[in-house]
């Protein structure tokens, strides 16, 4: 196993527009200080050179703190900056091809059904991201995934699963006993006035929850 469930306890996905007064590296430093256990660089519709420079910067930050950096969608950039892994959607690079190219890199896959989850696991995924579990402003026209389906996905594979989509302090308790490794959060971390405090509150909430499926 290339990634352990505890590494995905609080999976922070970057939002470059959330705090214009801070650099992306400063935002990530604050998230790690608050307890974020994994960082994903998420640069939707961004110029590739900007994406690459951000990846290089965050790779230095994350490696210094021994927190894995996952690059969203772009395996070439992940390899170029020596990131720890890449996260691919169902429409991105074929997983088997990605595994051949990625070597020992962590590969996360988005899965929206038990069938997709099992196939991704069989094809070599190290962890899964499933959602959207709640309404989210980060994606438009997204159908939410029923919690029971999410629980079934977590139960169907032996690799860790993170939940994503609209998760914050208010919605997080609804994911108790689902079997997930942890939540993947954008706005609930980087969209808050104090990034470090937001992570600390989320970690405290997670510490009081039983995530094990029943």
C-alpha atoms as a PDB file:
ATOM      1  CA  UNK A   1       0.000   0.000   0.000  1.00  0.00           C
ATOM      2  CA  UNK A   2       1.467   3.357  -1.055  1.00  0.00           C
ATOM      3  CA  UNK A   3      -0.732   5.458   1.223  1.00  0.00           C
ATOM      4  CA  UNK A   4      -2.197   4.721   4.632  1.00  0.00           C
ATOM      5  CA  UNK A   5      -5.696   5.736   5.760  1.00  0.00           C
ATOM      6  CA  UNK A   6      -4.315   7.986   8.515  1.00  0.00           C
ATOM      7  CA  UNK A   7      -2.477  10.001   5.846  1.00  0.00           C
ATOM      8  CA  UNK A   8      -5.891  10.896   4.412  1.00  0.00           C
ATOM      9  CA  UNK A   9      -7.439  11.982   7.720  1.00  0.00           C
ATOM     10  CA  UNK A  10      -7.699  15.610   6.578  1.00  0.00           C
ATOM     11  CA  UNK A  11      -7.142  15.990   2.828  1.00  0.00           C
ATOM     12  CA  UNK A  12      -6.909  19.661   1.856  1.00  0.00           C
ATOM     13  CA  UNK A  13      -7.566  20.728  -1.747  1.00  0.00           C
ATOM     14  CA  UNK A  14      -6.156  24.108  -2.698  1.00  0.00           C
ATOM     15  CA  UNK A  15      -8.156  27.099  -3.886  1.00  0.00           C
ATOM     16  CA  UNK A  16      -5.873  29.770  -5.394  1.00  0.00           C
ATOM     17  CA  UNK A  17      -8.628  32.397  -5.300  1.00  0.00           C
ATOM     18  CA  UNK A  18      -9.654  31.997  -1.659  1.00  0.00           C
ATOM     19  CA  UNK A  19      -7.005  34.219  -0.040  1.00  0.00           C
ATOM     20  CA  UNK A  20      -5.518  36.646  -2.575  1.00  0.00           C
ATOM     21  CA  UNK A  21      -3.506  38.275   0.222  1.00  0.00           C
ATOM     22  CA  UNK A  22      -1.576  35.020   0.715  1.00  0.00           C
ATOM     23  CA  UNK A  23       0.573  33.001  -1.643  1.00  0.00           C
ATOM     24  CA  UNK A  24      -0.523  29.428  -2.283  1.00  0.00           C
ATOM     25  CA  UNK A  25       2.530  28.247  -0.333  1.00  0.00           C
ATOM     26  CA  UNK A  26       1.523  30.387   2.657  1.00  0.00           C
ATOM     27  CA  UNK A  27      -2.005  28.975   2.536  1.00  0.00           C
ATOM     28  CA  UNK A  28      -0.683  25.415   2.491  1.00  0.00           C
ATOM     29  CA  UNK A  29       1.772  26.173   5.321  1.00  0.00           C
ATOM     30  CA  UNK A  30      -1.181  27.356   7.419  1.00  0.00           C
ATOM     31  CA  UNK A  31      -3.246  24.278   6.572  1.00  0.00           C
ATOM     32  CA  UNK A  32      -0.404  21.940   7.542  1.00  0.00           C
ATOM     33  CA  UNK A  33       0.113  23.901  10.775  1.00  0.00           C
ATOM     34  CA  UNK A  34      -3.538  23.241  11.586  1.00  0.00           C
ATOM     35  CA  UNK A  35      -3.267  19.502  11.001  1.00  0.00           C
ATOM     36  CA  UNK A  36      -3.888  18.871   7.285  1.00  0.00           C
ATOM     37  CA  UNK A  37      -2.392  15.439   6.550  1.00  0.00           C
ATOM     38  CA  UNK A  38      -2.418  15.541   2.737  1.00  0.00           C
ATOM     39  CA  UNK A  39      -2.450  18.373   0.189  1.00  0.00           C
ATOM     40  CA  UNK A  40      -3.845  18.300  -3.332  1.00  0.00           C
ATOM     41  CA  UNK A  41      -2.870  21.028  -5.786  1.00  0.00           C
ATOM     42  CA  UNK A  42      -6.078  21.712  -7.647  1.00  0.00           C
ATOM     43  CA  UNK A  43      -5.662  24.233 -10.482  1.00  0.00           C
ATOM     44  CA  UNK A  44      -8.725  23.987 -12.688  1.00  0.00           C
ATOM     45  CA  UNK A  45      -8.488  25.822 -16.026  1.00  0.00           C
ATOM     46  CA  UNK A  46      -5.132  27.294 -15.099  1.00  0.00           C
ATOM     47  CA  UNK A  47      -2.267  28.064 -17.462  1.00  0.00           C
ATOM     48  CA  UNK A  48       0.130  25.123 -17.450  1.00  0.00           C
ATOM     49  CA  UNK A  49       3.172  27.231 -16.589  1.00  0.00           C
ATOM     50  CA  UNK A  50       1.357  28.725 -13.595  1.00  0.00           C
ATOM     51  CA  UNK A  51       0.271  25.217 -12.574  1.00  0.00           C
ATOM     52  CA  UNK A  52       3.845  23.928 -12.887  1.00  0.00           C
ATOM     53  CA  UNK A  53       5.330  26.778 -10.854  1.00  0.00           C
ATOM     54  CA  UNK A  54       2.708  26.300  -8.135  1.00  0.00           C
ATOM     55  CA  UNK A  55       3.464  22.576  -8.072  1.00  0.00           C
ATOM     56  CA  UNK A  56       7.194  23.199  -7.676  1.00  0.00           C
ATOM     57  CA  UNK A  57       6.566  25.610  -4.813  1.00  0.00           C
ATOM     58  CA  UNK A  58       4.158  23.333  -2.981  1.00  0.00           C
ATOM     59  CA  UNK A  59       6.396  20.301  -3.449  1.00  0.00           C
ATOM     60  CA  UNK A  60       9.073  22.118  -1.450  1.00  0.00           C
ATOM     61  CA  UNK A  61       6.610  23.074   1.286  1.00  0.00           C
ATOM     62  CA  UNK A  62       5.035  19.636   1.597  1.00  0.00           C
ATOM     63  CA  UNK A  63       8.324  17.743   1.505  1.00  0.00           C
ATOM     64  CA  UNK A  64       9.726  20.009   4.202  1.00  0.00           C
ATOM     65  CA  UNK A  65       6.793  19.093   6.444  1.00  0.00           C
ATOM     66  CA  UNK A  66       6.662  15.419   5.365  1.00  0.00           C
ATOM     67  CA  UNK A  67       3.094  15.827   4.113  1.00  0.00           C
ATOM     68  CA  UNK A  68       2.253  14.195   0.759  1.00  0.00           C
ATOM     69  CA  UNK A  69       1.499  16.426  -2.209  1.00  0.00           C
ATOM     70  CA  UNK A  70      -0.995  15.110  -4.767  1.00  0.00           C
ATOM     71  CA  UNK A  71      -1.311  16.820  -8.158  1.00  0.00           C
ATOM     72  CA  UNK A  72      -4.790  16.945  -9.643  1.00  0.00           C
ATOM     73  CA  UNK A  73      -5.234  15.568 -13.189  1.00  0.00           C
ATOM     74  CA  UNK A  74      -1.696  16.093 -14.532  1.00  0.00           C
ATOM     75  CA  UNK A  75       0.675  13.128 -14.165  1.00  0.00           C
ATOM     76  CA  UNK A  76       3.442  14.832 -16.167  1.00  0.00           C
ATOM     77  CA  UNK A  77       3.564  17.735 -13.717  1.00  0.00           C
ATOM     78  CA  UNK A  78       3.477  15.334 -10.759  1.00  0.00           C
ATOM     79  CA  UNK A  79       6.503  13.514 -12.140  1.00  0.00           C
ATOM     80  CA  UNK A  80       8.343  16.713 -13.068  1.00  0.00           C
ATOM     81  CA  UNK A  81       8.145  18.264  -9.580  1.00  0.00           C
ATOM     82  CA  UNK A  82       8.620  14.953  -7.731  1.00  0.00           C
ATOM     83  CA  UNK A  83       5.199  15.142  -6.108  1.00  0.00           C
ATOM     84  CA  UNK A  84       4.043  12.166  -4.069  1.00  0.00           C
ATOM     85  CA  UNK A  85       1.092  11.366  -6.277  1.00  0.00           C
ATOM     86  CA  UNK A  86      -1.580  12.277  -8.779  1.00  0.00           C
ATOM     87  CA  UNK A  87      -5.383  12.229  -8.641  1.00  0.00           C
ATOM     88  CA  UNK A  88      -7.237  11.287 -11.814  1.00  0.00           C
ATOM     89  CA  UNK A  89     -10.901  11.510 -12.756  1.00  0.00           C
ATOM     90  CA  UNK A  90     -12.813   8.933 -14.757  1.00  0.00           C
ATOM     91  CA  UNK A  91     -12.225  10.972 -17.933  1.00  0.00           C
ATOM     92  CA  UNK A  92      -8.515  11.523 -17.350  1.00  0.00           C
ATOM     93  CA  UNK A  93      -5.557   9.346 -18.317  1.00  0.00           C
ATOM     94  CA  UNK A  94      -6.335   5.617 -18.309  1.00  0.00           C
ATOM     95  CA  UNK A  95      -5.342   4.165 -14.929  1.00  0.00           C
ATOM     96  CA  UNK A  96      -3.363   1.211 -16.289  1.00  0.00           C
ATOM     97  CA  UNK A  97      -1.382   3.536 -18.560  1.00  0.00           C
ATOM     98  CA  UNK A  98      -0.902   5.974 -15.687  1.00  0.00           C
ATOM     99  CA  UNK A  99       0.421   3.227 -13.423  1.00  0.00           C
ATOM    100  CA  UNK A 100       2.973   2.142 -16.016  1.00  0.00           C
ATOM    101  CA  UNK A 101       4.173   5.726 -16.357  1.00  0.00           C
ATOM    102  CA  UNK A 102       3.907   6.701 -12.685  1.00  0.00           C
ATOM    103  CA  UNK A 103       5.915   3.877 -11.168  1.00  0.00           C
ATOM    104  CA  UNK A 104       5.641   4.117  -7.375  1.00  0.00           C
ATOM    105  CA  UNK A 105       3.700   7.379  -7.320  1.00  0.00           C
ATOM    106  CA  UNK A 106       0.449   7.394  -5.367  1.00  0.00           C
ATOM    107  CA  UNK A 107      -2.539   7.317  -7.727  1.00  0.00           C
ATOM    108  CA  UNK A 108      -5.959   8.397  -6.522  1.00  0.00           C
ATOM    109  CA  UNK A 109      -9.055   7.852  -8.639  1.00  0.00           C
ATOM    110  CA  UNK A 110     -12.497   9.456  -8.530  1.00  0.00           C
ATOM    111  CA  UNK A 111     -15.221   6.821  -8.164  1.00  0.00           C
ATOM    112  CA  UNK A 112     -18.961   7.477  -8.146  1.00  0.00           C
ATOM    113  CA  UNK A 113     -20.253   3.911  -7.893  1.00  0.00           C
ATOM    114  CA  UNK A 114     -19.274   0.559  -6.440  1.00  0.00           C
ATOM    115  CA  UNK A 115     -18.481  -0.664  -9.958  1.00  0.00           C
ATOM    116  CA  UNK A 116     -16.084   2.217 -10.631  1.00  0.00           C
ATOM    117  CA  UNK A 117     -14.496   1.747  -7.207  1.00  0.00           C
ATOM    118  CA  UNK A 118     -13.839  -1.965  -7.633  1.00  0.00           C
ATOM    119  CA  UNK A 119     -12.489  -1.472 -11.158  1.00  0.00           C
ATOM    120  CA  UNK A 120     -10.145   1.300  -9.999  1.00  0.00           C
ATOM    121  CA  UNK A 121      -8.844  -0.876  -7.176  1.00  0.00           C
ATOM    122  CA  UNK A 122      -8.279  -3.816  -9.531  1.00  0.00           C
ATOM    123  CA  UNK A 123      -6.470  -1.535 -11.989  1.00  0.00           C
ATOM    124  CA  UNK A 124      -4.032  -0.365  -9.318  1.00  0.00           C
ATOM    125  CA  UNK A 125      -5.464   2.733  -7.606  1.00  0.00           C
ATOM    126  CA  UNK A 126      -4.004   3.495  -4.166  1.00  0.00           C
ATOM    127  CA  UNK A 127      -6.998   5.414  -2.846  1.00  0.00           C
ATOM    128  CA  UNK A 128     -10.377   6.681  -4.064  1.00  0.00           C
ATOM    129  CA  UNK A 129     -12.197   9.998  -3.873  1.00  0.00           C
ATOM    130  CA  UNK A 130     -16.000   9.795  -3.919  1.00  0.00           C
ATOM    131  CA  UNK A 131     -18.708  12.438  -4.055  1.00  0.00           C
ATOM    132  CA  UNK A 132     -20.049  14.989  -4.253  1.00  0.00           C
ATOM    133  CA  UNK A 133     -21.587  14.069  -0.914  1.00  0.00           C
ATOM    134  CA  UNK A 134     -23.198  17.455  -0.335  1.00  0.00           C
ATOM    135  CA  UNK A 135     -23.942  20.518  -2.447  1.00  0.00           C
ATOM    136  CA  UNK A 136     -20.721  22.259  -3.401  1.00  0.00           C
ATOM    137  CA  UNK A 137     -19.795  25.546  -5.046  1.00  0.00           C
ATOM    138  CA  UNK A 138     -16.577  24.134  -6.545  1.00  0.00           C
ATOM    139  CA  UNK A 139     -18.425  22.266  -9.295  1.00  0.00           C
ATOM    140  CA  UNK A 140     -21.623  23.096 -11.143  1.00  0.00           C
ATOM    141  CA  UNK A 141     -24.383  20.695 -12.198  1.00  0.00           C
ATOM    142  CA  UNK A 142     -23.108  17.961  -9.864  1.00  0.00           C
ATOM    143  CA  UNK A 143     -25.508  15.275  -8.666  1.00  0.00           C
ATOM    144  CA  UNK A 144     -24.862  14.436  -5.041  1.00  0.00           C
ATOM    145  CA  UNK A 145     -23.899  10.884  -4.147  1.00  0.00           C
ATOM    146  CA  UNK A 146     -26.215   9.268  -1.568  1.00  0.00           C
ATOM    147  CA  UNK A 147     -24.487   8.519   1.736  1.00  0.00           C
ATOM    148  CA  UNK A 148     -25.559   4.869   1.487  1.00  0.00           C
ATOM    149  CA  UNK A 149     -23.823   4.593  -1.892  1.00  0.00           C
ATOM    150  CA  UNK A 150     -20.723   6.189  -0.395  1.00  0.00           C
ATOM    151  CA  UNK A 151     -20.767   3.649   2.444  1.00  0.00           C
ATOM    152  CA  UNK A 152     -21.094   0.836  -0.103  1.00  0.00           C
ATOM    153  CA  UNK A 153     -18.090   2.196  -2.025  1.00  0.00           C
ATOM    154  CA  UNK A 154     -15.991   2.326   1.154  1.00  0.00           C
ATOM    155  CA  UNK A 155     -16.990  -1.244   1.986  1.00  0.00           C
ATOM    156  CA  UNK A 156     -16.341  -2.587  -1.520  1.00  0.00           C
ATOM    157  CA  UNK A 157     -12.570  -1.982  -1.665  1.00  0.00           C
ATOM    158  CA  UNK A 158      -9.590  -2.617   0.650  1.00  0.00           C
ATOM    159  CA  UNK A 159      -7.963   0.737  -0.218  1.00  0.00           C
ATOM    160  CA  UNK A 160      -8.718   4.040   1.576  1.00  0.00           C
ATOM    161  CA  UNK A 161     -11.610   6.218   0.390  1.00  0.00           C
ATOM    162  CA  UNK A 162     -11.998   9.950   0.979  1.00  0.00           C
ATOM    163  CA  UNK A 163     -15.308  11.747   0.765  1.00  0.00           C
ATOM    164  CA  UNK A 164     -15.517  15.018  -1.135  1.00  0.00           C
ATOM    165  CA  UNK A 165     -18.027  17.735  -1.883  1.00  0.00           C
ATOM    166  CA  UNK A 166     -19.526  20.270   0.504  1.00  0.00           C
ATOM    167  CA  UNK A 167     -17.919  18.803   3.612  1.00  0.00           C
ATOM    168  CA  UNK A 168     -17.486  21.210   6.513  1.00  0.00           C
ATOM    169  CA  UNK A 169     -17.946  21.271  10.291  1.00  0.00           C
ATOM    170  CA  UNK A 170     -21.718  21.067   9.876  1.00  0.00           C
ATOM    171  CA  UNK A 171     -21.892  18.226   7.349  1.00  0.00           C
ATOM    172  CA  UNK A 172     -18.928  16.177   8.612  1.00  0.00           C
ATOM    173  CA  UNK A 173     -20.891  14.417  11.411  1.00  0.00           C
ATOM    174  CA  UNK A 174     -23.222  12.930   8.771  1.00  0.00           C
ATOM    175  CA  UNK A 175     -20.267  10.844   7.564  1.00  0.00           C
ATOM    176  CA  UNK A 176     -19.779   9.004  10.845  1.00  0.00           C
ATOM    177  CA  UNK A 177     -19.603   5.202  10.488  1.00  0.00           C
ATOM    178  CA  UNK A 178     -19.274   5.388   6.695  1.00  0.00           C
ATOM    179  CA  UNK A 179     -15.884   3.672   6.585  1.00  0.00           C
ATOM    180  CA  UNK A 180     -14.118   6.607   4.952  1.00  0.00           C
ATOM    181  CA  UNK A 181     -10.470   7.398   5.696  1.00  0.00           C
ATOM    182  CA  UNK A 182     -11.258  11.098   5.933  1.00  0.00           C
ATOM    183  CA  UNK A 183     -12.766  14.122   4.190  1.00  0.00           C
ATOM    184  CA  UNK A 184     -11.337  15.999   1.215  1.00  0.00           C
ATOM    185  CA  UNK A 185     -12.145  19.676   1.724  1.00  0.00           C
ATOM    186  CA  UNK A 186     -11.711  22.884  -0.265  1.00  0.00           C
ATOM    187  CA  UNK A 187     -13.928  25.714   1.016  1.00  0.00           C
ATOM    188  CA  UNK A 188     -14.168  24.375   4.569  1.00  0.00           C
ATOM    189  CA  UNK A 189     -10.408  24.917   4.840  1.00  0.00           C
ATOM    190  CA  UNK A 190      -9.132  27.489   2.350  1.00  0.00           C
ATOM    191  CA  UNK A 191     -12.392  29.405   2.164  1.00  0.00           C
ATOM    192  CA  UNK A 192     -12.304  30.193   5.887  1.00  0.00           C
ATOM    193  CA  UNK A 193     -10.908  33.420   7.386  1.00  0.00           C
ATOM    194  CA  UNK A 194      -8.295  31.517   9.423  1.00  0.00           C
ATOM    195  CA  UNK A 195      -6.988  28.446   7.569  1.00  0.00           C
ATOM    196  CA  UNK A 196      -5.043  27.051  10.538  1.00  0.00           C
ATOM    197  CA  UNK A 197      -7.981  27.341  12.936  1.00  0.00           C
ATOM    198  CA  UNK A 198     -10.312  25.797  10.359  1.00  0.00           C
ATOM    199  CA  UNK A 199      -8.064  22.723  10.149  1.00  0.00           C
ATOM    200  CA  UNK A 200      -7.709  22.521  13.914  1.00  0.00           C
ATOM    201  CA  UNK A 201     -11.496  22.535  14.334  1.00  0.00           C
ATOM    202  CA  UNK A 202     -11.912  19.852  11.670  1.00  0.00           C
ATOM    203  CA  UNK A 203      -9.245  17.651  13.279  1.00  0.00           C
ATOM    204  CA  UNK A 204     -10.914  18.068  16.684  1.00  0.00           C
ATOM    205  CA  UNK A 205     -14.256  17.071  15.156  1.00  0.00           C
ATOM    206  CA  UNK A 206     -12.700  14.059  13.416  1.00  0.00           C
ATOM    207  CA  UNK A 207     -11.009  12.967  16.644  1.00  0.00           C
ATOM    208  CA  UNK A 208     -14.438  12.762  18.262  1.00  0.00           C
ATOM    209  CA  UNK A 209     -16.001  10.734  15.434  1.00  0.00           C
ATOM    210  CA  UNK A 210     -16.168   7.015  14.729  1.00  0.00           C
ATOM    211  CA  UNK A 211     -15.536   6.627  11.018  1.00  0.00           C
ATOM    212  CA  UNK A 212     -15.509   2.827  11.050  1.00  0.00           C
ATOM    213  CA  UNK A 213     -18.375   1.312   9.089  1.00  0.00           C
ATOM    214  CA  UNK A 214     -20.929  -0.677  11.092  1.00  0.00           C
END
